[in-house]
Structures are given as structure tokens and as C-alpha cells.
Amino acid sequence: MLSTAFWPNQIYGCSVCFGAADSPVIQAIKWGILVLLAILLFVFACLGNFFYQMHKRGQSPEPK
């Protein structure tokens, strides 16, 4: 902490901190977020389909 007061030029942020939009790190982070969102949407769609099928099965009359 004290060293930052005496040598402030030693503190530099990476390209993520500076926000360089063309950095490969930023592009990888964007793709990672998109992949995780796609997986999350797939899981929610599967859960929604499961509950829809259970609801539909519960509405149908029982076979004799």
C-alpha cells in the first residue's frame, strides 16, 4: 500500500481494466459469457419442457 504512494507508475491495469475492446482477452471473455448463457438457457428450456410435460400428463385422463 505504501509503495503505491512512492511509485505510482508501477501500478498498471491489464487490457481488461483499461477496456481495450480489440484485445483477445476481451473477446475470449465475451465468448465465454455467451457460451455460459447458452448453457443456462438450454438448462432452463429443459426444465420448462419437463414441467410442461408433467402438466400435460397430469391433465390427460387415466387409461383403463
N, C-alpha and C. Protein backbone atom coordinates (compact mmCIF):
# COMPACT_ATOMS: atom_id res chain seq x y z
N MET A 1 0.81 -1.17 0.00
CA MET A 1 0.00 0.00 0.00
C MET A 1 0.87 1.26 0.00
N LEU A 2 1.88 1.23 0.84
CA LEU A 2 2.76 2.39 0.93
C LEU A 2 3.59 2.55 -0.33
N SER A 3 3.91 1.44 -0.98
CA SER A 3 4.72 1.52 -2.20
C SER A 3 3.97 2.23 -3.33
N THR A 4 2.65 2.14 -3.33
CA THR A 4 1.89 2.82 -4.38
C THR A 4 1.96 4.33 -4.24
N ALA A 5 2.17 4.81 -3.03
CA ALA A 5 2.30 6.25 -2.82
C ALA A 5 3.63 6.77 -3.35
N PHE A 6 4.68 5.94 -3.26
CA PHE A 6 6.00 6.38 -3.70
C PHE A 6 6.28 6.05 -5.16
N TRP A 7 5.71 4.96 -5.68
CA TRP A 7 5.93 4.56 -7.06
C TRP A 7 4.59 4.33 -7.78
N PRO A 8 3.85 5.37 -8.06
CA PRO A 8 2.53 5.19 -8.67
C PRO A 8 2.60 4.68 -10.11
N ASN A 9 3.74 4.86 -10.77
CA ASN A 9 3.85 4.39 -12.15
C ASN A 9 4.02 2.88 -12.24
N GLN A 10 4.20 2.21 -11.11
CA GLN A 10 4.32 0.75 -11.10
C GLN A 10 2.96 0.06 -11.14
N ILE A 11 1.90 0.81 -11.00
CA ILE A 11 0.56 0.24 -10.98
C ILE A 11 -0.07 0.46 -12.35
N TYR A 12 -0.16 -0.60 -13.10
CA TYR A 12 -0.81 -0.55 -14.40
C TYR A 12 -1.87 -1.64 -14.45
N GLY A 13 -2.99 -1.32 -15.04
CA GLY A 13 -4.03 -2.32 -15.21
C GLY A 13 -3.79 -3.11 -16.48
N CYS A 14 -4.37 -4.29 -16.54
CA CYS A 14 -4.26 -5.10 -17.76
C CYS A 14 -5.22 -4.56 -18.81
N SER A 15 -5.27 -5.20 -19.95
CA SER A 15 -6.14 -4.72 -21.03
C SER A 15 -7.60 -4.80 -20.64
N VAL A 16 -7.95 -5.71 -19.72
CA VAL A 16 -9.33 -5.78 -19.25
C VAL A 16 -9.67 -4.54 -18.43
N CYS A 17 -8.74 -4.12 -17.59
CA CYS A 17 -9.00 -2.94 -16.76
C CYS A 17 -9.07 -1.67 -17.60
N PHE A 18 -8.22 -1.57 -18.59
CA PHE A 18 -8.21 -0.37 -19.43
C PHE A 18 -9.34 -0.40 -20.43
N GLY A 19 -9.91 -1.56 -20.70
CA GLY A 19 -11.05 -1.65 -21.60
C GLY A 19 -10.70 -1.63 -23.07
N ALA A 20 -9.57 -2.20 -23.45
CA ALA A 20 -9.20 -2.29 -24.86
C ALA A 20 -10.14 -3.28 -25.54
N ALA A 21 -11.06 -2.78 -26.34
CA ALA A 21 -12.12 -3.62 -26.91
C ALA A 21 -11.59 -4.62 -27.93
N ASP A 22 -10.44 -4.37 -28.51
CA ASP A 22 -9.91 -5.27 -29.53
C ASP A 22 -8.93 -6.30 -28.96
N SER A 23 -8.83 -6.36 -27.66
CA SER A 23 -7.91 -7.29 -27.02
C SER A 23 -8.44 -8.72 -27.12
N PRO A 24 -7.56 -9.70 -27.37
CA PRO A 24 -8.01 -11.10 -27.42
C PRO A 24 -8.60 -11.57 -26.10
N VAL A 25 -8.14 -11.01 -24.99
CA VAL A 25 -8.68 -11.39 -23.69
C VAL A 25 -10.15 -10.98 -23.59
N ILE A 26 -10.46 -9.79 -24.05
CA ILE A 26 -11.84 -9.31 -24.01
C ILE A 26 -12.72 -10.16 -24.92
N GLN A 27 -12.23 -10.52 -26.08
CA GLN A 27 -13.00 -11.37 -26.99
C GLN A 27 -13.25 -12.74 -26.37
N ALA A 28 -12.27 -13.29 -25.70
CA ALA A 28 -12.43 -14.59 -25.04
C ALA A 28 -13.46 -14.50 -23.91
N ILE A 29 -13.42 -13.42 -23.17
CA ILE A 29 -14.39 -13.23 -22.09
C ILE A 29 -15.80 -13.12 -22.66
N LYS A 30 -15.96 -12.39 -23.75
CA LYS A 30 -17.28 -12.25 -24.38
C LYS A 30 -17.81 -13.61 -24.85
N TRP A 31 -16.94 -14.40 -25.50
CA TRP A 31 -17.38 -15.72 -25.95
C TRP A 31 -17.69 -16.64 -24.78
N GLY A 32 -16.91 -16.53 -23.71
CA GLY A 32 -17.17 -17.34 -22.52
C GLY A 32 -18.52 -17.01 -21.90
N ILE A 33 -18.85 -15.73 -21.84
CA ILE A 33 -20.14 -15.32 -21.30
C ILE A 33 -21.27 -15.83 -22.20
N LEU A 34 -21.10 -15.74 -23.51
CA LEU A 34 -22.14 -16.22 -24.43
C LEU A 34 -22.35 -17.73 -24.30
N VAL A 35 -21.27 -18.47 -24.16
CA VAL A 35 -21.38 -19.93 -24.02
C VAL A 35 -22.09 -20.28 -22.71
N LEU A 36 -21.73 -19.61 -21.63
CA LEU A 36 -22.38 -19.88 -20.36
C LEU A 36 -23.86 -19.51 -20.39
N LEU A 37 -24.21 -18.41 -21.06
CA LEU A 37 -25.61 -18.04 -21.21
C LEU A 37 -26.37 -19.07 -22.04
N ALA A 38 -25.73 -19.58 -23.09
CA ALA A 38 -26.39 -20.59 -23.92
C ALA A 38 -26.64 -21.87 -23.11
N ILE A 39 -25.68 -22.27 -22.31
CA ILE A 39 -25.87 -23.46 -21.47
C ILE A 39 -26.99 -23.21 -20.46
N LEU A 40 -27.02 -22.04 -19.86
CA LEU A 40 -28.06 -21.71 -18.90
C LEU A 40 -29.44 -21.71 -19.57
N LEU A 41 -29.55 -21.14 -20.76
CA LEU A 41 -30.83 -21.14 -21.46
C LEU A 41 -31.26 -22.55 -21.83
N PHE A 42 -30.32 -23.39 -22.21
CA PHE A 42 -30.63 -24.78 -22.53
C PHE A 42 -31.17 -25.51 -21.30
N VAL A 43 -30.54 -25.31 -20.16
CA VAL A 43 -31.00 -25.97 -18.93
C VAL A 43 -32.39 -25.47 -18.55
N PHE A 44 -32.63 -24.17 -18.65
CA PHE A 44 -33.97 -23.64 -18.34
C PHE A 44 -35.01 -24.16 -19.32
N ALA A 45 -34.65 -24.29 -20.59
CA ALA A 45 -35.58 -24.83 -21.57
C ALA A 45 -35.91 -26.29 -21.26
N CYS A 46 -34.92 -27.05 -20.86
CA CYS A 46 -35.17 -28.45 -20.49
C CYS A 46 -36.07 -28.54 -19.25
N LEU A 47 -35.83 -27.69 -18.26
CA LEU A 47 -36.67 -27.68 -17.08
C LEU A 47 -38.10 -27.26 -17.42
N GLY A 48 -38.23 -26.24 -18.26
CA GLY A 48 -39.55 -25.81 -18.67
C GLY A 48 -40.28 -26.89 -19.44
N ASN A 49 -39.59 -27.59 -20.31
CA ASN A 49 -40.19 -28.69 -21.06
C ASN A 49 -40.60 -29.82 -20.12
N PHE A 50 -39.80 -30.12 -19.14
CA PHE A 50 -40.13 -31.17 -18.17
C PHE A 50 -41.41 -30.82 -17.42
N PHE A 51 -41.50 -29.59 -16.91
CA PHE A 51 -42.69 -29.20 -16.18
C PHE A 51 -43.91 -29.12 -17.09
N TYR A 52 -43.74 -28.71 -18.34
CA TYR A 52 -44.84 -28.69 -19.28
C TYR A 52 -45.34 -30.11 -19.55
N GLN A 53 -44.43 -31.04 -19.73
CA GLN A 53 -44.83 -32.43 -19.97
C GLN A 53 -45.53 -33.02 -18.75
N MET A 54 -45.07 -32.68 -17.55
CA MET A 54 -45.73 -33.17 -16.34
C MET A 54 -47.13 -32.58 -16.21
N HIS A 55 -47.27 -31.31 -16.55
CA HIS A 55 -48.58 -30.67 -16.50
C HIS A 55 -49.52 -31.30 -17.52
N LYS A 56 -49.01 -31.52 -18.73
CA LYS A 56 -49.83 -32.12 -19.78
C LYS A 56 -50.21 -33.55 -19.42
N ARG A 57 -49.29 -34.30 -18.84
CA ARG A 57 -49.57 -35.67 -18.45
C ARG A 57 -50.58 -35.71 -17.30
N GLY A 58 -50.54 -34.73 -16.44
CA GLY A 58 -51.48 -34.67 -15.33
C GLY A 58 -52.89 -34.30 -15.79
N GLN A 59 -53.03 -33.63 -16.91
CA GLN A 59 -54.33 -33.23 -17.43
C GLN A 59 -55.00 -34.34 -18.22
N SER A 60 -54.25 -35.30 -18.74
CA SER A 60 -54.84 -36.35 -19.56
C SER A 60 -55.57 -37.36 -18.68
N PRO A 61 -56.65 -37.97 -19.21
CA PRO A 61 -57.39 -38.96 -18.40
C PRO A 61 -56.56 -40.24 -18.22
N GLU A 62 -56.79 -40.90 -17.13
CA GLU A 62 -56.07 -42.14 -16.81
C GLU A 62 -56.52 -43.26 -17.75
N PRO A 63 -55.59 -44.08 -18.24
CA PRO A 63 -56.00 -45.22 -19.07
C PRO A 63 -56.65 -46.30 -18.20
N LYS A 64 -57.59 -47.03 -18.78
CA LYS A 64 -58.30 -48.07 -18.03
C LYS A 64 -57.62 -49.40 -18.12
